Amino acid sequence: MVGQSGLFLLVLALYSNTQWVYSAQTCLKTYQNMTIDGGIFKTISGNLSTCCTSCQQTSGCVAYSWDGVNTCWLQNQTQPLYMHSNRTTVIMSPLPSAAYSLNQTYSAGNFFGTNGKNNFHFITWGLTNVTKNVNQATANSSGLIAYQNGQVYIGVDHTNVVTTGRPTTQLQSLWLYNSGLFILNLAHMPSGNTTWPSWWFQGPNWPNNGEIDVLEGVYGMNYNLISLHTGNNCTVQQNYSTYFNGTWANSGSNKGCSIKAPKGTFQDAFNAAGGGVFALQWDRNNYIRVWNFINPNIPDDIKNNSTNPNPDTWGIPNAYIPLDSNCSPSHFNNLSMTFDIAFCGSWAAQYVSGGEAACENVLKNDPSQFSEAYWLINYVKVFGKPGDSLGTYYPTCQFAC
């Protein structure tokens, strides 16, 4: 028989043990022939299993690398990953204080707004002189926006010959963000001759508060172009390419840098695969990472609609830019999420025989070219970590209006 004090101690012991099991990290994701640049704070001897146990029992250990023989390096950071022969790297499951959780979902039924509260401002100026952005009422009455079979449709006029510009939309979120994990699940992206679609994040007083182009390109390209634009005193280093699987692109003089994602990540090839996922991780004080996943190669936690996805398990990203002394976090502030379908301009015209004049002729006179120029969105989900700034809502457009 156990007395009251003994019973209390027994319950306390069981509770403490339960809490330890609940909070203990697991050796979650194993990468072969990869390692992490930096963050080593302890070296131990042992096999892979010993390394796992040691990391679990060592405060601050979030990952470890093993040399395949008898040496293990415990690390206090999970990124950046890079290729390294004869290294096995394991990422630990995150503690609750470092895990992402679902904050917002934009999907059919609430994407454009709900209960009288709009989620987007419809910009009515165009990126080119033949891009005729319309307001929300016109877009709705013209069938340019709709909910279809549980998905969000955002398209362009594809039935009429036009004399000036082709009706389309540019949506700018009324939520402004300063960090987060953003996942766009797409069944179809806009395609067609002369088109210029993009999913991007922009700040006020361009370019001084930054721009992140997660998805962008023009018809004729077979890869997505990921770009950053900032104000002064932000530089990137060529050797950052060690940490991503895209390739540097020449961005010209437009106050930015660009990275080509692998082939097949844009327009026709993307749509032929049945769509996929674009993900932006903006870890405010550390880095910006972007992934393009094409069906069926979607991470399990995204595929299974986890409310706690873990980008550290998604492998080397298509783009990685550290936010450090070369480019401080202060270059990106109060960014609005934007969906856009533009036409022609000097960039798209490069892919049209005859240049800008020919591009505009097609745009105005051949509506059949635009039957595939639409977004079909399954959802956009926004995730945050404890303590992150999870977005601020403004009921009216704040910039570029």
Foldseek 3Di string as FASTA:
>chain_A
DADPVRVVVVVVVVVVVVVLVVQFKFQAAKDAQKDADDFFDDKDWDDPVVLRVVLRVDPQFFKKKDQRHTMITTGNDLDLMFGHHSIMMTGIDDGQQFFKFFDDKQWPPQNQHPPPFGFWFWFQDAPDFQEGEDGPVVCVVVVQWDQDPGWTKHFWDLPAFADTHTYGTKIWGLWFFLFFKKKFFFQAAFAFAFKWWWKKWADFPPPAQKIWTQAIDAHPAQWGKTKIAFDPQADFDLVQCSRADWAWDDPDPRRITITTFDGQQDHPSLNVQRHFMWMWGCPLQWKIFIAGAGPPRHDPCVVVVPSTDDCSNVPRGNDITTADNRHHSSRHGGIIIMIDMHGFDQRSQVNPVPGRVRRVCCRRGRSNRGPRRMTITNMMIIIDRVPGDRIDGDSDDDHPD
